[in-house]
Amino acid sequence: MTLSEFWVAVDAVFGRGMGASLVSGHVLVALGFRTPQDLLEAGTRPQDVWEALCDDLDVSAEERWRHADRRL
């Protein structure tokens, strides 16, 4: 997953406004008590951040990848 694909996924699952808020303010305990934004800026793989965010917010496997199905 690229950074641009990460943002497509965030927008698709959470909506643009809520997604941006989650990325900048939600703390991911599983990845060291850092926000997704901090993790991405530090070089963490976007897919790792995406999966941790979805796990933390109980997003189903089907829902977290529905945006990818639209591109097929």
PDB file of N, CA and C in Angstrom:
ATOM      1  N   MET A   1       0.848  -1.170   0.000  1.00  0.00           N
ATOM      2  CA  MET A   1       0.000   0.000   0.000  1.00  0.00           C
ATOM      3  C   MET A   1       0.898   1.240   0.000  1.00  0.00           C
ATOM      4  N   THR A   2       0.625   2.129  -0.936  1.00  0.00           N
ATOM      5  CA  THR A   2       1.361   3.384  -0.996  1.00  0.00           C
ATOM      6  C   THR A   2       0.676   4.409  -0.080  1.00  0.00           C
ATOM      7  N   LEU A   3       1.333   5.535   0.119  1.00  0.00           N
ATOM      8  CA  LEU A   3       0.749   6.587   0.935  1.00  0.00           C
ATOM      9  C   LEU A   3      -0.544   7.116   0.304  1.00  0.00           C
ATOM     10  N   SER A   4      -0.553   7.260  -1.013  1.00  0.00           N
ATOM     11  CA  SER A   4      -1.781   7.735  -1.660  1.00  0.00           C
ATOM     12  C   SER A   4      -2.902   6.705  -1.528  1.00  0.00           C
ATOM     13  N   GLU A   5      -2.590   5.427  -1.588  1.00  0.00           N
ATOM     14  CA  GLU A   5      -3.601   4.386  -1.389  1.00  0.00           C
ATOM     15  C   GLU A   5      -4.111   4.408   0.058  1.00  0.00           C
ATOM     16  N   PHE A   6      -3.231   4.704   0.990  1.00  0.00           N
ATOM     17  CA  PHE A   6      -3.623   4.841   2.388  1.00  0.00           C
ATOM     18  C   PHE A   6      -4.707   5.909   2.515  1.00  0.00           C
ATOM     19  N   TRP A   7      -4.489   7.070   1.886  1.00  0.00           N
ATOM     20  CA  TRP A   7      -5.455   8.161   1.988  1.00  0.00           C
ATOM     21  C   TRP A   7      -6.763   7.831   1.282  1.00  0.00           C
ATOM     22  N   VAL A   8      -6.703   7.102   0.183  1.00  0.00           N
ATOM     23  CA  VAL A   8      -7.939   6.652  -0.481  1.00  0.00           C
ATOM     24  C   VAL A   8      -8.722   5.750   0.465  1.00  0.00           C
ATOM     25  N   ALA A   9      -8.027   4.851   1.134  1.00  0.00           N
ATOM     26  CA  ALA A   9      -8.669   3.937   2.071  1.00  0.00           C
ATOM     27  C   ALA A   9      -9.283   4.699   3.244  1.00  0.00           C
ATOM     28  N   VAL A  10      -8.539   5.634   3.807  1.00  0.00           N
ATOM     29  CA  VAL A  10      -9.045   6.438   4.928  1.00  0.00           C
ATOM     30  C   VAL A  10     -10.324   7.165   4.526  1.00  0.00           C
ATOM     31  N   ASP A  11     -10.290   7.824   3.374  1.00  0.00           N
ATOM     32  CA  ASP A  11     -11.462   8.563   2.904  1.00  0.00           C
ATOM     33  C   ASP A  11     -12.646   7.638   2.643  1.00  0.00           C
ATOM     34  N   ALA A  12     -12.380   6.474   2.064  1.00  0.00           N
ATOM     35  CA  ALA A  12     -13.453   5.541   1.721  1.00  0.00           C
ATOM     36  C   ALA A  12     -14.125   4.953   2.957  1.00  0.00           C
ATOM     37  N   VAL A  13     -13.344   4.642   3.955  1.00  0.00           N
ATOM     38  CA  VAL A  13     -13.891   3.962   5.129  1.00  0.00           C
ATOM     39  C   VAL A  13     -14.420   4.942   6.174  1.00  0.00           C
ATOM     40  N   PHE A  14     -13.722   6.039   6.395  1.00  0.00           N
ATOM     41  CA  PHE A  14     -14.087   6.947   7.474  1.00  0.00           C
ATOM     42  C   PHE A  14     -14.680   8.276   7.008  1.00  0.00           C
ATOM     43  N   GLY A  15     -14.562   8.567   5.727  1.00  0.00           N
ATOM     44  CA  GLY A  15     -14.976   9.875   5.238  1.00  0.00           C
ATOM     45  C   GLY A  15     -13.810  10.844   5.343  1.00  0.00           C
ATOM     46  N   ARG A  16     -13.821  11.851   4.492  1.00  0.00           N
ATOM     47  CA  ARG A  16     -12.682  12.764   4.414  1.00  0.00           C
ATOM     48  C   ARG A  16     -12.414  13.488   5.737  1.00  0.00           C
ATOM     49  N   GLY A  17     -13.417  14.098   6.308  1.00  0.00           N
ATOM     50  CA  GLY A  17     -13.224  14.873   7.537  1.00  0.00           C
ATOM     51  C   GLY A  17     -12.860  14.016   8.728  1.00  0.00           C
ATOM     52  N   MET A  18     -13.654  12.979   8.964  1.00  0.00           N
ATOM     53  CA  MET A  18     -13.386  12.095  10.096  1.00  0.00           C
ATOM     54  C   MET A  18     -12.067  11.365   9.912  1.00  0.00           C
ATOM     55  N   GLY A  19     -11.782  10.951   8.687  1.00  0.00           N
ATOM     56  CA  GLY A  19     -10.530  10.247   8.425  1.00  0.00           C
ATOM     57  C   GLY A  19      -9.318  11.101   8.742  1.00  0.00           C
ATOM     58  N   ALA A  20      -9.339  12.351   8.298  1.00  0.00           N
ATOM     59  CA  ALA A  20      -8.222  13.256   8.583  1.00  0.00           C
ATOM     60  C   ALA A  20      -8.069  13.473  10.080  1.00  0.00           C
ATOM     61  N   SER A  21      -9.188  13.567  10.770  1.00  0.00           N
ATOM     62  CA  SER A  21      -9.148  13.739  12.219  1.00  0.00           C
ATOM     63  C   SER A  21      -8.556  12.515  12.906  1.00  0.00           C
ATOM     64  N   LEU A  22      -8.946  11.336  12.477  1.00  0.00           N
ATOM     65  CA  LEU A  22      -8.399  10.106  13.054  1.00  0.00           C
ATOM     66  C   LEU A  22      -6.901   9.984  12.806  1.00  0.00           C
ATOM     67  N   VAL A  23      -6.480  10.295  11.595  1.00  0.00           N
ATOM     68  CA  VAL A  23      -5.057  10.174  11.254  1.00  0.00           C
ATOM     69  C   VAL A  23      -4.218  11.144  12.077  1.00  0.00           C
ATOM     70  N   SER A  24      -4.737  12.321  12.332  1.00  0.00           N
ATOM     71  CA  SER A  24      -3.943  13.305  13.068  1.00  0.00           C
ATOM     72  C   SER A  24      -4.072  13.190  14.584  1.00  0.00           C
ATOM     73  N   GLY A  25      -5.159  12.565  15.066  1.00  0.00           N
ATOM     74  CA  GLY A  25      -5.369  12.591  16.503  1.00  0.00           C
ATOM     75  C   GLY A  25      -5.545  11.274  17.222  1.00  0.00           C
ATOM     76  N   HIS A  26      -5.822  10.200  16.511  1.00  0.00           N
ATOM     77  CA  HIS A  26      -6.054   8.917  17.178  1.00  0.00           C
ATOM     78  C   HIS A  26      -4.720   8.268  17.528  1.00  0.00           C
ATOM     79  N   VAL A  27      -4.575   7.861  18.766  1.00  0.00           N
ATOM     80  CA  VAL A  27      -3.330   7.244  19.222  1.00  0.00           C
ATOM     81  C   VAL A  27      -3.433   5.731  19.071  1.00  0.00           C
ATOM     82  N   LEU A  28      -2.450   5.158  18.379  1.00  0.00           N
ATOM     83  CA  LEU A  28      -2.408   3.710  18.165  1.00  0.00           C
ATOM     84  C   LEU A  28      -1.484   3.078  19.200  1.00  0.00           C
ATOM     85  N   VAL A  29      -2.071   2.453  20.185  1.00  0.00           N
ATOM     86  CA  VAL A  29      -1.309   1.817  21.250  1.00  0.00           C
ATOM     87  C   VAL A  29      -0.398   0.737  20.683  1.00  0.00           C
ATOM     88  N   ALA A  30      -0.924  -0.036  19.733  1.00  0.00           N
ATOM     89  CA  ALA A  30      -0.172  -1.166  19.171  1.00  0.00           C
ATOM     90  C   ALA A  30       1.105  -0.742  18.456  1.00  0.00           C
ATOM     91  N   LEU A  31       1.165   0.512  18.045  1.00  0.00           N
ATOM     92  CA  LEU A  31       2.359   0.987  17.338  1.00  0.00           C
ATOM     93  C   LEU A  31       3.085   2.065  18.140  1.00  0.00           C
ATOM     94  N   GLY A  32       3.111   1.880  19.437  1.00  0.00           N
ATOM     95  CA  GLY A  32       3.950   2.730  20.266  1.00  0.00           C
ATOM     96  C   GLY A  32       3.334   4.024  20.732  1.00  0.00           C
ATOM     97  N   PHE A  33       2.008   4.064  20.898  1.00  0.00           N
ATOM     98  CA  PHE A  33       1.326   5.253  21.409  1.00  0.00           C
ATOM     99  C   PHE A  33       1.597   6.486  20.546  1.00  0.00           C
ATOM    100  N   ARG A  34       1.513   6.289  19.250  1.00  0.00           N
ATOM    101  CA  ARG A  34       1.727   7.379  18.296  1.00  0.00           C
ATOM    102  C   ARG A  34       0.520   7.490  17.382  1.00  0.00           C
ATOM    103  N   THR A  35       0.323   8.668  16.813  1.00  0.00           N
ATOM    104  CA  THR A  35      -0.780   8.849  15.880  1.00  0.00           C
ATOM    105  C   THR A  35      -0.381   8.280  14.517  1.00  0.00           C
ATOM    106  N   PRO A  36      -1.371   7.947  13.683  1.00  0.00           N
ATOM    107  CA  PRO A  36      -1.041   7.506  12.332  1.00  0.00           C
ATOM    108  C   PRO A  36      -0.182   8.535  11.585  1.00  0.00           C
ATOM    109  N   GLN A  37      -0.484   9.799  11.766  1.00  0.00           N
ATOM    110  CA  GLN A  37       0.292  10.839  11.099  1.00  0.00           C
ATOM    111  C   GLN A  37       1.753  10.802  11.534  1.00  0.00           C
ATOM    112  N   ASP A  38       1.986  10.694  12.826  1.00  0.00           N
ATOM    113  CA  ASP A  38       3.356  10.613  13.330  1.00  0.00           C
ATOM    114  C   ASP A  38       4.080   9.384  12.789  1.00  0.00           C
ATOM    115  N   LEU A  39       3.375   8.278  12.746  1.00  0.00           N
ATOM    116  CA  LEU A  39       3.968   7.032  12.253  1.00  0.00           C
ATOM    117  C   LEU A  39       4.336   7.139  10.776  1.00  0.00           C
ATOM    118  N   LEU A  40       3.431   7.693   9.987  1.00  0.00           N
ATOM    119  CA  LEU A  40       3.707   7.845   8.556  1.00  0.00           C
ATOM    120  C   LEU A  40       4.887   8.787   8.331  1.00  0.00           C
ATOM    121  N   GLU A  41       4.928   9.880   9.075  1.00  0.00           N
ATOM    122  CA  GLU A  41       6.039  10.825   8.945  1.00  0.00           C
ATOM    123  C   GLU A  41       7.369  10.208   9.371  1.00  0.00           C
ATOM    124  N   ALA A  42       7.311   9.228  10.281  1.00  0.00           N
ATOM    125  CA  ALA A  42       8.519   8.551  10.752  1.00  0.00           C
ATOM    126  C   ALA A  42       8.952   7.423   9.816  1.00  0.00           C
ATOM    127  N   GLY A  43       8.141   7.155   8.788  1.00  0.00           N
ATOM    128  CA  GLY A  43       8.524   6.139   7.819  1.00  0.00           C
ATOM    129  C   GLY A  43       7.902   4.776   7.996  1.00  0.00           C
ATOM    130  N   THR A  44       6.935   4.655   8.895  1.00  0.00           N
ATOM    131  CA  THR A  44       6.232   3.382   9.050  1.00  0.00           C
ATOM    132  C   THR A  44       5.447   3.092   7.779  1.00  0.00           C
ATOM    133  N   ARG A  45       5.448   1.829   7.377  1.00  0.00           N
ATOM    134  CA  ARG A  45       4.729   1.447   6.158  1.00  0.00           C
ATOM    135  C   ARG A  45       3.249   1.813   6.269  1.00  0.00           C
ATOM    136  N   PRO A  46       2.701   2.476   5.251  1.00  0.00           N
ATOM    137  CA  PRO A  46       1.284   2.847   5.288  1.00  0.00           C
ATOM    138  C   PRO A  46       0.357   1.666   5.559  1.00  0.00           C
ATOM    139  N   GLN A  47       0.671   0.505   5.015  1.00  0.00           N
ATOM    140  CA  GLN A  47      -0.195  -0.656   5.246  1.00  0.00           C
ATOM    141  C   GLN A  47      -0.193  -1.060   6.718  1.00  0.00           C
ATOM    142  N   ASP A  48       0.955  -0.972   7.382  1.00  0.00           N
ATOM    143  CA  ASP A  48       1.008  -1.299   8.808  1.00  0.00           C
ATOM    144  C   ASP A  48       0.161  -0.317   9.618  1.00  0.00           C
ATOM    145  N   VAL A  49       0.234   0.958   9.251  1.00  0.00           N
ATOM    146  CA  VAL A  49      -0.567   1.976   9.935  1.00  0.00           C
ATOM    147  C   VAL A  49      -2.051   1.731   9.673  1.00  0.00           C
ATOM    148  N   TRP A  50      -2.396   1.451   8.419  1.00  0.00           N
ATOM    149  CA  TRP A  50      -3.787   1.198   8.050  1.00  0.00           C
ATOM    150  C   TRP A  50      -4.351   0.016   8.818  1.00  0.00           C
ATOM    151  N   GLU A  51      -3.612  -1.068   8.857  1.00  0.00           N
ATOM    152  CA  GLU A  51      -4.096  -2.265   9.544  1.00  0.00           C
ATOM    153  C   GLU A  51      -4.255  -2.016  11.039  1.00  0.00           C
ATOM    154  N   ALA A  52      -3.312  -1.301  11.648  1.00  0.00           N
ATOM    155  CA  ALA A  52      -3.412  -0.995  13.079  1.00  0.00           C
ATOM    156  C   ALA A  52      -4.598  -0.084  13.361  1.00  0.00           C
ATOM    157  N   LEU A  53      -4.819   0.898  12.508  1.00  0.00           N
ATOM    158  CA  LEU A  53      -5.954   1.801  12.676  1.00  0.00           C
ATOM    159  C   LEU A  53      -7.268   1.030  12.570  1.00  0.00           C
ATOM    160  N   CYS A  54      -7.382   0.191  11.571  1.00  0.00           N
ATOM    161  CA  CYS A  54      -8.599  -0.605  11.389  1.00  0.00           C
ATOM    162  C   CYS A  54      -8.800  -1.585  12.542  1.00  0.00           C
ATOM    163  N   ASP A  55      -7.734  -2.224  12.986  1.00  0.00           N
ATOM    164  CA  ASP A  55      -7.846  -3.137  14.125  1.00  0.00           C
ATOM    165  C   ASP A  55      -8.331  -2.392  15.365  1.00  0.00           C
ATOM    166  N   ASP A  56      -7.744  -1.228  15.603  1.00  0.00           N
ATOM    167  CA  ASP A  56      -8.078  -0.441  16.785  1.00  0.00           C
ATOM    168  C   ASP A  56      -9.527   0.018  16.776  1.00  0.00           C
ATOM    169  N   LEU A  57     -10.060   0.291  15.594  1.00  0.00           N
ATOM    170  CA  LEU A  57     -11.429   0.798  15.468  1.00  0.00           C
ATOM    171  C   LEU A  57     -12.433  -0.276  15.055  1.00  0.00           C
ATOM    172  N   ASP A  58     -12.007  -1.533  15.133  1.00  0.00           N
ATOM    173  CA  ASP A  58     -12.872  -2.678  14.835  1.00  0.00           C
ATOM    174  C   ASP A  58     -13.513  -2.612  13.450  1.00  0.00           C
ATOM    175  N   VAL A  59     -12.725  -2.203  12.462  1.00  0.00           N
ATOM    176  CA  VAL A  59     -13.192  -2.196  11.075  1.00  0.00           C
ATOM    177  C   VAL A  59     -13.018  -3.614  10.527  1.00  0.00           C
ATOM    178  N   SER A  60     -14.075  -4.176   9.988  1.00  0.00           N
ATOM    179  CA  SER A  60     -14.015  -5.551   9.482  1.00  0.00           C
ATOM    180  C   SER A  60     -13.053  -5.653   8.298  1.00  0.00           C
ATOM    181  N   ALA A  61     -12.566  -6.855   8.061  1.00  0.00           N
ATOM    182  CA  ALA A  61     -11.662  -7.090   6.931  1.00  0.00           C
ATOM    183  C   ALA A  61     -12.332  -6.713   5.622  1.00  0.00           C
ATOM    184  N   GLU A  62     -13.601  -7.019   5.489  1.00  0.00           N
ATOM    185  CA  GLU A  62     -14.336  -6.684   4.267  1.00  0.00           C
ATOM    186  C   GLU A  62     -14.421  -5.171   4.071  1.00  0.00           C
ATOM    187  N   GLU A  63     -14.743  -4.462   5.128  1.00  0.00           N
ATOM    188  CA  GLU A  63     -14.906  -3.012   5.046  1.00  0.00           C
ATOM    189  C   GLU A  63     -13.571  -2.297   4.809  1.00  0.00           C
ATOM    190  N   ARG A  64     -12.507  -2.772   5.429  1.00  0.00           N
ATOM    191  CA  ARG A  64     -11.232  -2.062   5.301  1.00  0.00           C
ATOM    192  C   ARG A  64     -10.634  -2.153   3.907  1.00  0.00           C
ATOM    193  N   TRP A  65     -11.066  -3.122   3.113  1.00  0.00           N
ATOM    194  CA  TRP A  65     -10.531  -3.263   1.755  1.00  0.00           C
ATOM    195  C   TRP A  65     -11.565  -3.008   0.666  1.00  0.00           C
ATOM    196  N   ARG A  66     -12.750  -2.520   1.019  1.00  0.00           N
ATOM    197  CA  ARG A  66     -13.786  -2.295  -0.002  1.00  0.00           C
ATOM    198  C   ARG A  66     -13.372  -1.250  -1.027  1.00  0.00           C
ATOM    199  N   HIS A  67     -12.575  -0.291  -0.645  1.00  0.00           N
ATOM    200  CA  HIS A  67     -12.109   0.733  -1.594  1.00  0.00           C
ATOM    201  C   HIS A  67     -11.275   0.114  -2.705  1.00  0.00           C
ATOM    202  N   ALA A  68     -10.523  -0.933  -2.387  1.00  0.00           N
ATOM    203  CA  ALA A  68      -9.673  -1.592  -3.383  1.00  0.00           C
ATOM    204  C   ALA A  68     -10.533  -2.320  -4.414  1.00  0.00           C
ATOM    205  N   ASP A  69     -11.664  -2.870  -3.989  1.00  0.00           N
ATOM    206  CA  ASP A  69     -12.560  -3.574  -4.908  1.00  0.00           C
ATOM    207  C   ASP A  69     -13.114  -2.638  -5.972  1.00  0.00           C
ATOM    208  N   ARG A  70     -13.294  -1.377  -5.628  1.00  0.00           N
ATOM    209  CA  ARG A  70     -13.849  -0.403  -6.581  1.00  0.00           C
ATOM    210  C   ARG A  70     -12.887  -0.107  -7.726  1.00  0.00           C
ATOM    211  N   ARG A  71     -11.593  -0.302  -7.498  1.00  0.00           N
ATOM    212  CA  ARG A  71     -10.604   0.027  -8.519  1.00  0.00           C
ATOM    213  C   ARG A  71     -10.416  -1.105  -9.521  1.00  0.00           C
ATOM    214  N   LEU A  72     -10.966  -2.272  -9.230  1.00  0.00           N
ATOM    215  CA  LEU A  72     -10.781  -3.435 -10.122  1.00  0.00           C
ATOM    216  C   LEU A  72     -11.626  -3.319 -11.368  1.00  0.00           C
TER     217      LEU A  72
END
